[in-house]
Amino acid sequence: FAYNTLLKHYASEAQVEKAESLLEKMQEDGVTPDGTTYLQMIRVAGATGDTEGAAEWLKRLEQQGEAIWEAHFHAVMSGHAKLGDMEGAEAWFRAMLDAGFRPDLVSFNIL
């Protein structure tokens, strides 16, 4: 079963409840969330304007010991940008730089 593929769909449709339910089922089935799983959860939170939730998913990813990708920061930045919160997007841009990532075209397009 392709959990991350279905999570990506839920993220694109901003279906938080379905994404969270699927994540629970995934864990009940003994499947450990990975970087892609967390990316989709960050995206679904950001798509609904829950920027605090998006940041919390990033924190959970870090606590799990998974590698953080530039895409994770982009997803949090996008959530802020969608709300018109450019200060929040810029703060996450700086956090991305502090984490050692170099900005790319996606980074600047979000801003």
C-alpha atoms as a PDB file:
ATOM      1  CA  PHE A   1       0.000   0.000   0.000  1.00  0.00           C
ATOM      2  CA  ALA A   2       1.448   3.346  -1.021  1.00  0.00           C
ATOM      3  CA  TYR A   3       0.781   5.460   2.054  1.00  0.00           C
ATOM      4  CA  ASN A   4       2.895   8.410   0.932  1.00  0.00           C
ATOM      5  CA  THR A   5       1.177   8.545  -2.454  1.00  0.00           C
ATOM      6  CA  LEU A   6      -2.222   8.762  -0.805  1.00  0.00           C
ATOM      7  CA  LEU A   7      -0.916  11.330   1.687  1.00  0.00           C
ATOM      8  CA  LYS A   8       0.306  13.426  -1.243  1.00  0.00           C
ATOM      9  CA  HIS A   9      -3.213  13.370  -2.670  1.00  0.00           C
ATOM     10  CA  TYR A  10      -4.716  14.393   0.673  1.00  0.00           C
ATOM     11  CA  ALA A  11      -2.174  17.218   0.921  1.00  0.00           C
ATOM     12  CA  SER A  12      -3.098  18.476  -2.556  1.00  0.00           C
ATOM     13  CA  GLU A  13      -6.763  18.490  -1.527  1.00  0.00           C
ATOM     14  CA  ALA A  14      -6.093  19.959   1.974  1.00  0.00           C
ATOM     15  CA  GLN A  15      -7.816  16.983   3.607  1.00  0.00           C
ATOM     16  CA  VAL A  16      -6.313  17.137   7.084  1.00  0.00           C
ATOM     17  CA  GLU A  17      -8.561  14.601   8.782  1.00  0.00           C
ATOM     18  CA  LYS A  18      -7.999  11.979   6.104  1.00  0.00           C
ATOM     19  CA  ALA A  19      -4.236  12.553   6.158  1.00  0.00           C
ATOM     20  CA  GLU A  20      -4.036  12.264   9.946  1.00  0.00           C
ATOM     21  CA  SER A  21      -6.234   9.165   9.919  1.00  0.00           C
ATOM     22  CA  LEU A  22      -4.071   7.528   7.264  1.00  0.00           C
ATOM     23  CA  LEU A  23      -0.922   8.370   9.216  1.00  0.00           C
ATOM     24  CA  GLU A  24      -2.409   6.661  12.272  1.00  0.00           C
ATOM     25  CA  LYS A  25      -3.287   3.582  10.198  1.00  0.00           C
ATOM     26  CA  MET A  26       0.191   3.567   8.715  1.00  0.00           C
ATOM     27  CA  GLN A  27       1.744   3.496  12.174  1.00  0.00           C
ATOM     28  CA  GLU A  28      -0.737   0.844  13.380  1.00  0.00           C
ATOM     29  CA  ASP A  29       0.373  -1.275  10.425  1.00  0.00           C
ATOM     30  CA  GLY A  30       3.955  -0.971  11.653  1.00  0.00           C
ATOM     31  CA  VAL A  31       5.141   1.412   8.946  1.00  0.00           C
ATOM     32  CA  THR A  32       7.485   4.128  10.210  1.00  0.00           C
ATOM     33  CA  PRO A  33       6.896   7.605   8.765  1.00  0.00           C
ATOM     34  CA  ASP A  34       9.821   8.885   6.713  1.00  0.00           C
ATOM     35  CA  GLY A  35      10.863  12.226   5.267  1.00  0.00           C
ATOM     36  CA  THR A  36       8.293  11.978   2.480  1.00  0.00           C
ATOM     37  CA  THR A  37       5.523  11.198   4.954  1.00  0.00           C
ATOM     38  CA  TYR A  38       6.379  14.256   7.019  1.00  0.00           C
ATOM     39  CA  LEU A  39       6.653  16.405   3.906  1.00  0.00           C
ATOM     40  CA  GLN A  40       3.071  15.555   3.007  1.00  0.00           C
ATOM     41  CA  MET A  41       1.878  16.245   6.550  1.00  0.00           C
ATOM     42  CA  ILE A  42       3.626  19.628   6.492  1.00  0.00           C
ATOM     43  CA  ARG A  43       2.000  20.365   3.134  1.00  0.00           C
ATOM     44  CA  VAL A  44      -1.487  19.406   4.279  1.00  0.00           C
ATOM     45  CA  ALA A  45      -1.149  21.640   7.357  1.00  0.00           C
ATOM     46  CA  GLY A  46       0.147  24.521   5.261  1.00  0.00           C
ATOM     47  CA  ALA A  47      -2.618  24.069   2.687  1.00  0.00           C
ATOM     48  CA  THR A  48      -5.214  24.673   5.386  1.00  0.00           C
ATOM     49  CA  GLY A  49      -3.425  27.709   6.813  1.00  0.00           C
ATOM     50  CA  ASP A  50      -2.189  25.838   9.880  1.00  0.00           C
ATOM     51  CA  THR A  51       1.352  27.186   9.850  1.00  0.00           C
ATOM     52  CA  GLU A  52       1.888  26.249  13.498  1.00  0.00           C
ATOM     53  CA  GLY A  53       0.876  22.692  12.661  1.00  0.00           C
ATOM     54  CA  ALA A  54       3.271  22.674   9.719  1.00  0.00           C
ATOM     55  CA  ALA A  55       6.103  23.787  11.994  1.00  0.00           C
ATOM     56  CA  GLU A  56       5.113  21.106  14.514  1.00  0.00           C
ATOM     57  CA  TRP A  57       5.362  18.391  11.839  1.00  0.00           C
ATOM     58  CA  LEU A  58       8.849  19.634  10.973  1.00  0.00           C
ATOM     59  CA  LYS A  59       9.776  19.474  14.656  1.00  0.00           C
ATOM     60  CA  ARG A  60       8.451  15.895  14.871  1.00  0.00           C
ATOM     61  CA  LEU A  61      10.535  14.942  11.853  1.00  0.00           C
ATOM     62  CA  GLU A  62      13.630  16.298  13.514  1.00  0.00           C
ATOM     63  CA  GLN A  63      12.812  14.544  16.808  1.00  0.00           C
ATOM     64  CA  GLN A  64      12.430  11.252  14.962  1.00  0.00           C
ATOM     65  CA  GLY A  65      15.993  11.655  13.705  1.00  0.00           C
ATOM     66  CA  GLU A  66      15.042  11.771  10.046  1.00  0.00           C
ATOM     67  CA  ALA A  67      17.004  13.991   7.679  1.00  0.00           C
ATOM     68  CA  ILE A  68      15.415  17.352   7.009  1.00  0.00           C
ATOM     69  CA  TRP A  69      15.254  18.389   3.369  1.00  0.00           C
ATOM     70  CA  GLU A  70      15.044  21.785   1.771  1.00  0.00           C
ATOM     71  CA  ALA A  71      11.551  20.762   0.603  1.00  0.00           C
ATOM     72  CA  HIS A  72      10.409  20.571   4.235  1.00  0.00           C
ATOM     73  CA  PHE A  73      11.375  24.206   4.745  1.00  0.00           C
ATOM     74  CA  HIS A  74       9.761  25.146   1.432  1.00  0.00           C
ATOM     75  CA  ALA A  75       6.497  23.549   2.539  1.00  0.00           C
ATOM     76  CA  VAL A  76       6.426  25.561   5.777  1.00  0.00           C
ATOM     77  CA  MET A  77       7.390  28.740   3.908  1.00  0.00           C
ATOM     78  CA  SER A  78       4.602  28.118   1.377  1.00  0.00           C
ATOM     79  CA  GLY A  79       2.023  27.835   4.137  1.00  0.00           C
ATOM     80  CA  HIS A  80       3.009  31.257   5.444  1.00  0.00           C
ATOM     81  CA  ALA A  81       3.110  32.761   1.956  1.00  0.00           C
ATOM     82  CA  LYS A  82      -0.399  31.470   1.160  1.00  0.00           C
ATOM     83  CA  LEU A  83      -1.666  33.397   4.186  1.00  0.00           C
ATOM     84  CA  GLY A  84       0.185  36.532   3.077  1.00  0.00           C
ATOM     85  CA  ASP A  85       2.460  36.169   6.108  1.00  0.00           C
ATOM     86  CA  MET A  86       5.702  37.166   4.456  1.00  0.00           C
ATOM     87  CA  GLU A  87       7.418  37.729   7.812  1.00  0.00           C
ATOM     88  CA  GLY A  88       6.736  34.097   8.688  1.00  0.00           C
ATOM     89  CA  ALA A  89       7.911  32.909   5.276  1.00  0.00           C
ATOM     90  CA  GLU A  90      11.087  34.961   5.593  1.00  0.00           C
ATOM     91  CA  ALA A  91      11.710  33.640   9.117  1.00  0.00           C
ATOM     92  CA  TRP A  92      11.557  30.069   7.783  1.00  0.00           C
ATOM     93  CA  PHE A  93      13.787  31.099   4.882  1.00  0.00           C
ATOM     94  CA  ARG A  94      16.368  32.258   7.442  1.00  0.00           C
ATOM     95  CA  ALA A  95      15.901  29.007   9.404  1.00  0.00           C
ATOM     96  CA  MET A  96      16.570  27.106   6.192  1.00  0.00           C
ATOM     97  CA  LEU A  97      19.789  29.085   5.680  1.00  0.00           C
ATOM     98  CA  ASP A  98      20.781  28.505   9.313  1.00  0.00           C
ATOM     99  CA  ALA A  99      20.297  24.767   8.751  1.00  0.00           C
ATOM    100  CA  GLY A 100      22.923  24.933   6.007  1.00  0.00           C
ATOM    101  CA  PHE A 101      20.722  24.899   2.915  1.00  0.00           C
ATOM    102  CA  ARG A 102      21.379  27.186  -0.020  1.00  0.00           C
ATOM    103  CA  PRO A 103      18.340  28.906  -1.484  1.00  0.00           C
ATOM    104  CA  ASP A 104      17.257  27.884  -4.963  1.00  0.00           C
ATOM    105  CA  LEU A 105      14.676  29.013  -7.464  1.00  0.00           C
ATOM    106  CA  VAL A 106      11.855  27.402  -5.441  1.00  0.00           C
ATOM    107  CA  SER A 107      12.973  29.269  -2.315  1.00  0.00           C
ATOM    108  CA  PHE A 108      12.827  32.615  -4.064  1.00  0.00           C
ATOM    109  CA  ASN A 109       9.574  31.885  -5.879  1.00  0.00           C
ATOM    110  CA  ILE A 110       7.881  31.251  -2.529  1.00  0.00           C
ATOM    111  CA  LEU A 111       9.069  34.642  -1.296  1.00  0.00           C
END
